[in-house]
Protein backbone atom coordinates (compact mmCIF):
# COMPACT_ATOMS: atom_id res chain seq x y z
CA UNK A 1 -0.36 30.25 14.46
CA UNK A 2 2.04 27.88 15.04
CA UNK A 3 4.89 28.89 17.03
CA UNK A 4 8.07 30.20 15.03
CA UNK A 5 10.58 28.00 16.43
CA UNK A 6 8.58 24.93 16.31
CA UNK A 7 9.91 25.28 12.43
CA UNK A 8 12.56 23.70 11.39
CA UNK A 9 14.15 21.77 8.30
CA UNK A 10 12.50 18.44 8.05
CA UNK A 11 9.26 19.32 10.40
CA UNK A 12 6.14 17.59 9.01
CA UNK A 13 3.36 19.94 8.45
CA UNK A 14 0.08 20.19 6.57
CA UNK A 15 -2.16 22.21 4.87
CA UNK A 16 -5.51 21.25 4.04
CA UNK A 17 -5.44 17.65 2.91
CA UNK A 18 -1.77 17.71 1.84
CA UNK A 19 1.30 16.87 3.74
CA UNK A 20 4.60 17.98 3.55
CA UNK A 21 8.02 18.38 4.81
CA UNK A 22 9.48 21.84 5.83
CA UNK A 23 12.94 21.99 3.37
CA UNK A 24 13.25 25.79 4.45
CA UNK A 25 13.14 28.56 6.55
CA UNK A 26 14.08 32.15 6.20
CA UNK A 27 13.39 35.19 3.28
CA UNK A 28 13.12 35.58 0.26
CA UNK A 29 14.72 39.14 -1.65
CA UNK A 30 12.03 41.47 -2.24
CA UNK A 31 9.20 39.89 -0.42
CA UNK A 32 8.31 40.94 3.50
CA UNK A 33 8.42 38.44 6.41
CA UNK A 34 9.52 34.41 6.41
CA UNK A 35 8.97 32.22 4.29
CA UNK A 36 8.25 28.29 4.54
CA UNK A 37 9.80 26.40 2.08
CA UNK A 38 7.54 22.63 1.54
CA UNK A 39 8.69 19.71 -0.04
CA UNK A 40 4.97 17.81 -0.60
CA UNK A 41 4.31 14.36 -0.12
CA UNK A 42 2.49 14.60 -3.95
CA UNK A 43 5.03 14.92 -6.60
CA UNK A 44 2.24 17.52 -8.27
CA UNK A 45 1.10 19.50 -5.31
CA UNK A 46 4.05 22.25 -5.76
CA UNK A 47 5.29 24.38 -8.67
CA UNK A 48 9.08 24.60 -8.33
CA UNK A 49 11.81 22.00 -7.20
CA UNK A 50 12.84 24.25 -4.67
CA UNK A 51 14.12 26.92 -6.41
CA UNK A 52 12.02 30.74 -6.89
CA UNK A 53 13.51 33.29 -9.56
CA UNK A 54 16.90 31.73 -9.66
CA UNK A 55 17.73 31.03 -6.56
CA UNK A 56 17.69 27.25 -5.54
CA UNK A 57 16.50 27.21 -1.66
CA UNK A 58 16.08 23.62 -1.28
CA UNK A 59 16.19 20.89 -3.35
CA UNK A 60 13.03 18.84 -3.89
CA UNK A 61 13.07 14.55 -5.39
CA UNK A 62 10.17 15.80 -7.85
CA UNK A 63 10.83 19.01 -10.16
CA UNK A 64 7.04 19.99 -9.16
CA UNK A 65 7.17 19.39 -5.52
CA UNK A 66 7.76 22.15 -4.00
CA UNK A 67 6.27 25.20 -2.47
CA UNK A 68 6.73 28.99 -0.80
CA UNK A 69 4.18 29.55 1.92
CA UNK A 70 3.03 31.49 4.93
CA UNK A 71 3.50 29.93 8.45
CA UNK A 72 -0.15 31.12 8.76
CA UNK A 73 -1.45 28.16 6.76
CA UNK A 74 -0.09 25.67 8.11
CA UNK A 75 -2.10 23.37 10.51
CA UNK A 76 -1.98 23.87 14.21
CA UNK A 77 0.05 21.36 15.79
CA UNK A 78 -1.31 18.82 18.36
CA UNK A 79 0.25 16.72 21.37
CA UNK A 80 -0.47 13.43 21.50
CA UNK A 81 -1.81 14.17 24.81
CA UNK A 82 -4.21 16.42 22.71
CA UNK A 83 -5.16 14.28 19.99
CA UNK A 84 -6.17 11.61 22.53
CA UNK A 85 -7.93 13.80 24.60
CA UNK A 86 -9.69 15.74 21.61
CA UNK A 87 -11.05 12.28 19.82
CA UNK A 88 -11.98 9.89 22.95
CA UNK A 89 -12.67 11.99 26.01
CA UNK A 90 -16.52 13.22 26.43
CA UNK A 91 -17.11 16.31 27.83
CA UNK A 92 -19.84 18.27 28.42
CA UNK A 93 -19.42 20.14 25.19
CA UNK A 94 -19.66 16.81 23.63
CA UNK A 95 -22.24 15.40 25.72
CA UNK A 96 -24.51 18.77 24.45
CA UNK A 97 -23.40 17.94 20.92
CA UNK A 98 -24.40 14.11 21.61
CA UNK A 99 -28.15 15.15 22.66
CA UNK A 100 -28.10 17.97 19.99
CA UNK A 101 -27.35 15.42 17.28
CA UNK A 102 -29.93 12.57 18.44
CA UNK A 103 -32.90 15.24 18.97
CA UNK A 104 -31.85 15.81 15.28
CA UNK A 105 -32.31 12.62 14.49
CA UNK A 106 -35.84 12.20 16.45
CA UNK A 107 -37.14 15.12 14.43
CA UNK A 108 -35.93 13.42 10.87
CA UNK A 109 -37.18 9.91 11.40
CA UNK A 110 -40.24 11.30 12.87
CA UNK A 111 -39.64 9.25 15.68
CA UNK A 112 -39.64 10.65 19.28
CA UNK A 113 -38.85 7.62 21.38
CA UNK A 114 -35.64 7.05 19.14
CA UNK A 115 -32.76 6.37 20.88
CA UNK A 116 -28.73 4.95 20.83
CA UNK A 117 -29.03 2.16 23.19
CA UNK A 118 -25.62 1.99 25.33
CA UNK A 119 -25.56 5.56 24.52
CA UNK A 120 -25.86 6.50 28.47
CA UNK A 121 -22.44 4.00 28.70
CA UNK A 122 -20.26 5.86 26.21
CA UNK A 123 -19.20 9.34 28.62
CA UNK A 124 -18.25 7.29 31.58
CA UNK A 125 -16.76 4.93 29.35
CA UNK A 126 -14.36 6.96 27.30
CA UNK A 127 -13.58 9.60 30.29
CA UNK A 128 -11.19 6.60 31.42
CA UNK A 129 -8.18 7.04 29.37
CA UNK A 130 -6.74 4.26 32.25
CA UNK A 131 -9.43 1.49 30.17
CA UNK A 132 -8.02 2.69 26.49
CA UNK A 133 -6.20 -0.50 25.39
CA UNK A 134 -6.25 0.21 21.60
CA UNK A 135 -6.25 4.38 19.93
CA UNK A 136 -5.56 5.79 16.94
CA UNK A 137 -4.97 9.63 16.24
CA UNK A 138 -4.81 9.06 12.42
CA UNK A 139 -5.00 12.15 9.98
CA UNK A 140 -4.36 14.62 13.22
CA UNK A 141 -1.72 17.59 13.44
CA UNK A 142 0.34 15.38 16.46
CA UNK A 143 4.11 15.84 16.14
CA UNK A 144 4.72 15.91 19.92
CA UNK A 145 4.74 13.47 23.14
CA UNK A 146 2.70 15.34 25.54
CA UNK A 147 1.98 14.42 28.91
CA UNK A 148 0.98 10.25 28.42
CA UNK A 149 1.38 8.92 31.93
CA UNK A 150 -2.35 8.35 32.15
CA UNK A 151 -2.57 5.21 29.57
CA UNK A 152 -1.49 2.72 31.85
CA UNK A 153 -3.31 0.03 29.40
CA UNK A 154 -2.91 0.59 26.05
CA UNK A 155 -0.90 -1.98 23.61
CA UNK A 156 -1.77 -0.27 20.33
CA UNK A 157 -1.19 3.02 18.84
CA UNK A 158 -2.39 4.06 15.47
CA UNK A 159 -0.08 7.66 14.89
CA UNK A 160 -0.53 7.21 10.70
CA UNK A 161 -0.38 10.05 8.79
CA UNK A 162 0.26 12.47 11.38
CA UNK A 163 3.30 15.24 11.84
CA UNK A 164 5.66 13.23 13.50
CA UNK A 165 8.99 13.47 12.02
CA UNK A 166 11.63 12.74 15.08
CA UNK A 167 12.66 9.52 16.01
CA UNK A 168 13.19 11.13 19.72
CA UNK A 169 9.53 11.66 19.70
CA UNK A 170 8.42 8.22 18.85
CA UNK A 171 10.91 7.01 21.71
CA UNK A 172 9.37 9.64 24.06
CA UNK A 173 5.87 8.11 23.55
CA UNK A 174 6.72 4.64 23.82
CA UNK A 175 8.64 5.42 26.79
CA UNK A 176 5.87 6.49 28.85
CA UNK A 177 3.51 3.88 27.72
CA UNK A 178 5.36 0.90 29.30
CA UNK A 179 2.45 -1.28 28.00
CA UNK A 180 2.62 0.33 24.45
CA UNK A 181 3.66 -2.98 22.00
CA UNK A 182 2.42 -2.21 18.81
CA UNK A 183 3.33 0.98 16.55
CA UNK A 184 1.88 2.16 13.48
CA UNK A 185 4.06 4.86 12.22
CA UNK A 186 2.31 4.88 8.95
CA UNK A 187 2.90 7.85 6.15
CA UNK A 188 5.18 9.65 7.94
CA UNK A 189 8.21 10.95 6.99
CA UNK A 190 11.13 11.09 9.73
CA UNK A 191 14.87 12.08 9.60
CA UNK A 192 17.21 9.83 10.51
CA UNK A 193 18.88 9.75 13.93
CA UNK A 194 22.44 10.67 14.50
CA UNK A 195 24.41 7.53 15.03
CA UNK A 196 25.33 8.13 19.00
CA UNK A 197 21.16 8.34 20.00
CA UNK A 198 20.81 5.45 18.86
CA UNK A 199 21.70 2.98 21.11
CA UNK A 200 20.11 5.54 23.60
CA UNK A 201 16.74 4.89 21.82
CA UNK A 202 16.85 1.45 21.94
CA UNK A 203 16.44 1.32 25.65
CA UNK A 204 13.01 3.46 25.01
CA UNK A 205 11.64 1.01 22.34
CA UNK A 206 12.77 -2.05 24.40
CA UNK A 207 9.13 -2.98 24.65
CA UNK A 208 7.48 -2.72 21.43
CA UNK A 209 7.33 -5.52 19.57
CA UNK A 210 5.38 -4.63 16.31
CA UNK A 211 6.00 -1.53 13.94
CA UNK A 212 4.59 -0.13 10.65
CA UNK A 213 6.24 1.78 8.57
CA UNK A 214 3.82 1.31 5.62
CA UNK A 215 4.43 4.54 2.80
CA UNK A 216 7.24 5.81 4.72
CA UNK A 217 9.77 6.76 2.22
CA UNK A 218 12.54 4.36 3.09
CA UNK A 219 14.85 4.55 0.95
CA UNK A 220 17.17 1.29 0.99
CA UNK A 221 17.21 -1.86 3.31
CA UNK A 222 20.83 -0.12 5.20
CA UNK A 223 18.80 2.62 5.73
CA UNK A 224 16.17 0.15 7.31
CA UNK A 225 18.43 -1.40 9.60
CA UNK A 226 19.85 1.27 10.78
CA UNK A 227 16.90 2.42 12.33
CA UNK A 228 15.99 -1.74 13.35
CA UNK A 229 19.18 -1.38 15.79
CA UNK A 230 16.81 0.94 17.87
CA UNK A 231 14.04 -2.09 18.17
CA UNK A 232 15.58 -4.20 20.52
CA UNK A 233 12.32 -6.47 20.37
CA UNK A 234 10.95 -6.23 17.23
CA UNK A 235 8.53 -9.16 16.15
CA UNK A 236 6.34 -7.84 13.62
CA UNK A 237 7.68 -5.28 11.12
CA UNK A 238 5.64 -3.61 8.20
CA UNK A 239 7.27 -1.84 5.56
CA UNK A 240 4.99 -1.78 2.44
CA UNK A 241 4.78 0.74 -0.31
CA UNK A 242 8.41 1.74 0.16
CA UNK A 243 11.37 2.60 -1.98
CA UNK A 244 13.70 -0.44 -0.92
CA UNK A 245 15.79 -2.87 -3.50
CA UNK A 246 18.76 -4.59 -2.66
CA UNK A 247 19.07 -6.82 0.42
CA UNK A 248 22.39 -6.39 1.80
CA UNK A 249 24.35 -9.42 2.64
CA UNK A 250 25.37 -7.56 5.89
CA UNK A 251 25.80 -9.15 9.50
CA UNK A 252 23.89 -6.29 11.24
CA UNK A 253 21.04 -6.72 9.88
CA UNK A 254 20.78 -10.47 11.48
CA UNK A 255 21.98 -8.66 14.39
CA UNK A 256 19.22 -6.13 14.43
CA UNK A 257 16.38 -8.11 13.05
CA UNK A 258 17.25 -12.01 15.15
CA UNK A 259 14.04 -12.21 16.64
CA UNK A 260 11.88 -11.09 13.58
CA UNK A 261 9.41 -12.97 12.73
CA UNK A 262 6.42 -11.49 10.25
CA UNK A 263 8.00 -9.02 7.66
CA UNK A 264 5.89 -7.27 5.05
CA UNK A 265 8.12 -5.89 1.46
CA UNK A 266 4.81 -5.79 -0.30
CA UNK A 267 5.45 -2.71 -3.51
CA UNK A 268 8.30 -3.31 -2.98
CA UNK A 269 11.27 -3.12 -5.43
CA UNK A 270 13.09 -6.74 -3.88
CA UNK A 271 13.10 -8.59 -6.95
CA UNK A 272 16.69 -10.01 -6.76
CA UNK A 273 17.59 -13.74 -6.88
CA UNK A 274 20.16 -12.43 -4.30
CA UNK A 275 18.17 -10.32 -2.40
CA UNK A 276 15.60 -12.75 -1.66
CA UNK A 277 18.46 -15.29 -0.47
CA UNK A 278 19.76 -12.82 1.96
CA UNK A 279 16.58 -12.16 3.35
CA UNK A 280 16.81 -15.75 4.05
CA UNK A 281 19.41 -15.42 6.56
CA UNK A 282 17.14 -14.31 9.31
CA UNK A 283 17.42 -16.54 11.51
CA UNK A 284 13.37 -16.39 13.54
CA UNK A 285 11.90 -15.31 10.40
CA UNK A 286 8.23 -17.81 10.25
CA UNK A 287 6.35 -15.53 7.86
CA UNK A 288 7.27 -13.58 4.48
CA UNK A 289 5.06 -10.69 2.32
CA UNK A 290 6.61 -10.50 -0.98
CA UNK A 291 4.11 -9.14 -3.40
CA UNK A 292 3.96 -7.04 -5.86
CA UNK A 293 8.21 -6.87 -5.88
CA UNK A 294 8.82 -7.34 -9.59
CA UNK A 295 10.11 -11.50 -8.85
CA UNK A 296 10.39 -12.83 -12.18
CA UNK A 297 12.87 -15.91 -10.47
CA UNK A 298 13.41 -17.70 -7.32
CA UNK A 299 16.37 -19.53 -6.67
CA UNK A 300 18.22 -20.83 -3.59
CA UNK A 301 20.52 -23.65 -4.13
CA UNK A 302 22.24 -25.28 -7.37
CA UNK A 303 23.83 -27.40 -4.84
CA UNK A 304 20.92 -29.33 -3.30
CA UNK A 305 20.74 -32.72 -3.58
CA UNK A 306 16.90 -33.95 -3.41
CA UNK A 307 16.68 -35.34 -0.20
CA UNK A 308 17.79 -32.98 1.34
CA UNK A 309 16.69 -28.57 2.99
CA UNK A 310 18.38 -25.58 2.98
CA UNK A 311 19.91 -23.52 5.37
CA UNK A 312 18.00 -20.78 4.51
CA UNK A 313 14.85 -19.39 5.89
CA UNK A 314 14.96 -22.20 8.60
CA UNK A 315 12.01 -21.08 10.32
CA UNK A 316 9.56 -19.77 7.31
CA UNK A 317 6.06 -21.53 7.01
CA UNK A 318 4.51 -18.94 5.17
CA UNK A 319 5.35 -16.88 1.75
CA UNK A 320 3.33 -14.11 -0.08
CA UNK A 321 4.19 -13.92 -3.86
CA UNK A 322 1.39 -12.52 -5.64
CA UNK A 323 1.85 -10.05 -8.59
CA UNK A 324 4.91 -11.19 -9.38
CA UNK A 325 5.72 -12.07 -13.08
CA UNK A 326 7.44 -15.86 -12.08
CA UNK A 327 9.01 -16.77 -15.39
CA UNK A 328 9.29 -20.51 -14.57
CA UNK A 329 6.51 -21.41 -11.80
CA UNK A 330 7.15 -25.07 -11.53
CA UNK A 331 10.89 -24.48 -11.33
CA UNK A 332 9.85 -21.82 -8.62
CA UNK A 333 7.81 -23.95 -6.20
CA UNK A 334 10.73 -27.07 -6.96
CA UNK A 335 13.10 -24.12 -4.94
CA UNK A 336 10.33 -23.67 -2.32
CA UNK A 337 10.15 -27.45 -1.72
CA UNK A 338 14.14 -26.61 -0.27
CA UNK A 339 12.98 -24.78 2.45
CA UNK A 340 12.66 -26.87 5.87
CA UNK A 341 9.45 -25.20 6.97
CA UNK A 342 7.67 -24.02 4.66
CA UNK A 343 3.93 -24.58 4.62
CA UNK A 344 1.92 -21.81 2.93
CA UNK A 345 2.18 -20.23 0.05
CA UNK A 346 -0.39 -17.47 -1.89
CA UNK A 347 0.19 -16.78 -5.36
CA UNK A 348 -1.36 -16.33 -8.79
CA UNK A 349 -1.85 -19.31 -11.04
CA UNK A 350 -0.11 -19.78 -14.11
CA UNK A 351 -2.56 -18.12 -16.86
CA UNK A 352 -0.80 -20.80 -19.44
CA UNK A 353 -2.72 -23.81 -17.43
CA UNK A 354 -5.76 -24.03 -15.70
CA UNK A 355 -5.71 -23.22 -12.00
CA UNK A 356 -6.69 -27.04 -11.48
CA UNK A 357 -3.38 -27.78 -12.48
CA UNK A 358 -1.92 -24.59 -11.17
CA UNK A 359 -2.76 -26.36 -7.70
CA UNK A 360 -1.68 -30.20 -9.26
CA UNK A 361 1.71 -28.93 -9.87
CA UNK A 362 1.98 -26.95 -6.24
CA UNK A 363 0.66 -29.34 -3.87
CA UNK A 364 2.72 -32.33 -6.04
CA UNK A 365 6.17 -30.25 -5.92
CA UNK A 366 6.15 -29.29 -1.87
CA UNK A 367 6.25 -32.12 0.70
CA UNK A 368 5.16 -29.89 3.20
CA UNK A 369 2.57 -27.50 2.06
CA UNK A 370 -0.52 -27.59 4.06
CA UNK A 371 -2.01 -24.65 2.26
CA UNK A 372 -2.38 -22.82 -1.29
CA UNK A 373 -3.96 -19.90 -1.24
CA UNK A 374 -5.66 -20.11 1.73
CA UNK A 375 -7.21 -23.48 0.98
CA UNK A 376 -6.28 -25.97 2.91
CA UNK A 377 -4.81 -28.53 0.92
CA UNK A 378 -6.25 -32.42 1.62
CA UNK A 379 -4.73 -35.74 2.05
CA UNK A 380 -6.88 -37.00 -1.05
CA UNK A 381 -5.43 -33.75 -3.22
CA UNK A 382 -2.11 -34.32 -2.27
CA UNK A 383 -2.33 -37.94 -3.31
CA UNK A 384 -3.83 -37.35 -6.42
CA UNK A 385 -1.16 -34.14 -7.49
CA UNK A 386 1.68 -36.52 -6.58
CA UNK A 387 0.08 -39.00 -8.62
CA UNK A 388 -0.71 -36.05 -11.85
CA UNK A 389 3.48 -35.40 -11.23
CA UNK A 390 4.26 -38.79 -11.66
CA UNK A 391 2.71 -39.19 -14.66
CA UNK A 392 3.28 -35.64 -16.03
CA UNK A 393 7.11 -36.33 -15.89
CA UNK A 394 7.12 -39.83 -16.97
CA UNK A 395 8.55 -38.92 -19.93
CA UNK A 396 11.76 -37.13 -18.93
CA UNK A 397 12.30 -39.55 -16.44
CA UNK A 398 12.41 -42.75 -19.15
CA UNK A 399 14.87 -40.37 -21.33
CA UNK A 400 17.37 -40.52 -18.05
CA UNK A 401 17.04 -43.39 -16.16
CA UNK A 402 20.24 -44.94 -17.81
CA UNK A 403 22.76 -42.10 -17.33
CA UNK A 404 23.84 -41.52 -13.35
CA UNK A 405 24.87 -38.09 -13.97
CA UNK A 406 21.94 -36.85 -15.93
CA UNK A 407 19.52 -39.06 -13.90
CA UNK A 408 21.03 -36.68 -10.11
CA UNK A 409 20.06 -33.63 -12.99
CA UNK A 410 16.39 -34.51 -13.11
CA UNK A 411 15.70 -35.60 -9.79
CA UNK A 412 17.32 -32.04 -8.35
CA UNK A 413 14.60 -30.30 -10.64
CA UNK A 414 11.97 -32.37 -10.21
CA UNK A 415 12.79 -33.29 -6.51
CA UNK A 416 9.63 -34.68 -5.71
CA UNK A 417 9.72 -37.44 -8.31
CA UNK A 418 12.11 -39.89 -5.79
CA UNK A 419 9.70 -39.46 -3.17
CA UNK A 420 6.72 -40.31 -5.35
CA UNK A 421 8.73 -42.98 -7.01
CA UNK A 422 9.03 -44.93 -3.59
CA UNK A 423 5.24 -44.45 -3.04
CA UNK A 424 3.52 -45.27 -6.47
CA UNK A 425 6.37 -47.31 -8.28
CA UNK A 426 7.88 -46.62 -11.87
CA UNK A 427 5.23 -45.20 -13.97
CA UNK A 428 6.71 -46.82 -17.22
CA UNK A 429 2.74 -48.10 -17.43
CA UNK A 430 2.32 -44.42 -18.65
CA UNK A 431 5.60 -44.37 -21.25
CA UNK A 432 3.95 -44.31 -25.00
CA UNK A 433 4.76 -47.74 -26.85
CA UNK A 434 7.47 -46.43 -28.75
CA UNK A 435 7.08 -49.86 -30.95
CA UNK A 436 6.53 -49.33 -34.66
CA UNK A 437 3.10 -49.54 -35.84
CA UNK A 438 2.21 -50.90 -39.47
CA UNK A 439 -0.65 -52.10 -40.67
CA UNK A 440 1.21 -55.07 -42.62
CA UNK A 441 1.94 -58.76 -41.36
CA UNK A 442 4.16 -61.27 -42.27
CA UNK A 443 2.70 -64.82 -43.26
CA UNK A 444 4.14 -68.16 -43.98
CA UNK A 445 2.30 -69.93 -46.65
CA UNK A 446 2.33 -73.47 -46.37
CA UNK A 447 1.13 -76.04 -50.01
CA UNK A 448 0.14 -78.64 -47.49
CA UNK A 449 0.05 -80.89 -50.42
CA UNK A 450 3.91 -80.13 -51.53
CA UNK A 451 5.36 -78.85 -48.44
CA UNK A 452 6.66 -75.97 -50.71
CA UNK A 453 6.78 -73.01 -48.06
CA UNK A 454 6.46 -68.98 -48.96
CA UNK A 455 6.66 -65.83 -46.88
CA UNK A 456 4.72 -63.13 -48.06
CA UNK A 457 4.01 -59.74 -46.43
CA UNK A 458 0.37 -58.72 -46.84
CA UNK A 459 -2.12 -56.11 -45.25
CA UNK A 460 -3.67 -57.06 -41.91
CA UNK A 461 -7.14 -56.05 -42.95
CA UNK A 462 -6.70 -58.15 -46.63
CA UNK A 463 -10.38 -60.69 -46.54
CA UNK A 464 -9.91 -64.60 -47.31
CA UNK A 465 -10.95 -64.25 -50.54
CA UNK A 466 -8.43 -61.85 -51.99
CA UNK A 467 -5.52 -63.87 -50.24
CA UNK A 468 -6.93 -67.08 -51.75
CA UNK A 469 -6.00 -65.72 -55.27
CA UNK A 470 -3.13 -64.06 -53.71
CA UNK A 471 -2.12 -67.86 -53.06
CA UNK A 472 -3.05 -69.01 -56.42
CA UNK A 473 -0.48 -66.61 -58.26
CA UNK A 474 1.98 -66.83 -55.99
CA UNK A 475 2.09 -71.05 -56.13
CA UNK A 476 0.78 -71.25 -59.60
CA UNK A 477 -1.89 -72.93 -58.88
CA UNK A 478 -4.98 -73.43 -61.15
CA UNK A 479 -7.80 -70.64 -61.36
CA UNK A 480 -10.53 -72.34 -59.74
CA UNK A 481 -9.88 -71.33 -56.28
CA UNK A 482 -13.30 -72.52 -55.12
CA UNK A 483 -12.28 -75.25 -53.89
CA UNK A 484 -9.44 -73.71 -51.75
CA UNK A 485 -9.17 -74.43 -47.85
CA UNK A 486 -7.28 -72.34 -45.48
CA UNK A 487 -6.38 -72.39 -41.97
CA UNK A 488 -4.02 -71.06 -39.12
CA UNK A 489 -1.52 -73.41 -37.93
CA UNK A 490 -1.95 -72.53 -34.15
CA UNK A 491 1.24 -74.00 -33.22
CA UNK A 492 1.21 -73.88 -28.86
CA UNK A 493 -2.05 -76.05 -28.90
CA UNK A 494 -1.12 -78.12 -32.27
CA UNK A 495 -4.12 -77.30 -34.08
CA UNK A 496 -5.41 -76.14 -37.53
CA UNK A 497 -8.10 -73.49 -37.34
CA UNK A 498 -10.32 -73.42 -40.27
CA UNK A 499 -10.68 -70.19 -42.43
CA UNK A 500 -14.23 -70.93 -43.58
CA UNK A 501 -15.46 -67.37 -44.05
CA UNK A 502 -14.13 -65.82 -47.38
CA UNK A 503 -15.47 -62.32 -46.48
CA UNK A 504 -13.51 -61.68 -43.11
CA UNK A 505 -10.34 -60.57 -43.05
CA UNK A 506 -7.18 -62.18 -41.08
CA UNK A 507 -7.57 -59.79 -38.04
CA UNK A 508 -11.25 -60.98 -37.06
CA UNK A 509 -9.15 -64.11 -37.00
CA UNK A 510 -6.18 -62.44 -34.97
CA UNK A 511 -3.91 -63.72 -37.07
CA UNK A 512 -0.65 -62.43 -36.19
CA UNK A 513 2.65 -61.53 -37.55
CA UNK A 514 4.77 -64.73 -38.74
CA UNK A 515 1.27 -66.76 -38.65
CA UNK A 516 1.32 -69.49 -40.72
CA UNK A 517 -1.45 -70.21 -42.91
CA UNK A 518 -2.14 -73.85 -44.47
CA UNK A 519 -3.84 -74.23 -47.80
CA UNK A 520 -5.08 -77.34 -49.65
């Protein structure tokens, strides 16, 4: 049974495989003994919201997340020391169990010589607490530290899905293990520290570089920033699957997270333009995870010239944007090109175009990109992609090239275009031919005998026999056309080219607009 003095508001508990938080300890009228009011992590696990027989003893976030239970049902607490010893330390009892297990396997496999290679070494190695470097007590009912002085080489500790609930206990663990650098605290629920506790606890976390707080019901960025003041050396912070939304533009978070290089905000609700901009003020941030936040638009600055970079995200090299409904990927790529050191981008391809076209657009748009969706970008792919963009936007460039203001706006929206033009030149060759296409040509018809000249518009594909008949009517000649001979007058070479095959058309002889046909 758990001791009564361990049970207080905020304490984490476990019943079977279900976790919860104590919200009430006391009596319930018309019943005997003490009851424990629980708010379950699973919002459907309970029966009510903290109200029993019309009396509200506590309040849960969800209408069916509350239960009243007896303390006898609660899983017994452990210290971290006990949990590690139980899991990692080989005793005579555990070695006896191991021997029994081996004999059972030998019997089942009919293999009396079966053995586990290295088994003789396991006991000795795991019995030495000083050799432990990476420890996990995930799902163990740990809610206190115990004596951890033996863990002199421990660097990584996983206490996720335990019963830790108080930052004072976590600080005690960190203080007792000065070599500890990484803490996984995922799937736990913590009460906020008092303001006067924060500076004192910060001294105990001074060696912690990496903290993982996945699914810890963090409700806001300001709540996180307040906690971060306890972690003066933090460089890696995972906040996946919490309830963080708007990122406030406040100086404290820039100070508290001034050394942060990696930030994981996957599956939160950081989706508005201003919040993403405010994250850009973190001075040391190199990698940012924003998968699954519902981001529709990325916009850093509307006033950034095409040949300059923004002051945001000055150290950022990698960004993840998968599972976000980005409305205009080309605009997103253009914005990402404004980041000074961006090298790697991961996002979903545009479903309206082929994957190859998505690759071409992002590679052609972001000058410093080295990897896209974990694939290395070759120089050939970069050249080909820039050439594709050069062709794609040729018409838009042509429409504004003679208007300085419109051209400036075009370059802001397509930052890659000036640098691509510098390498490839003007894209005029890809502009459509705006000349009016017609099947008719103008001819000068010259009667060599009389010197009479007439102009006539005729089809390009008119054959010479039909042209003869037209000349007879036009000039009022006798109907006998068999003796009428036609010549194309080549004025440049000052020669006459006989048009002898009456079944051929004018374009067969390459007759062009405003050419002169002489007849006699």
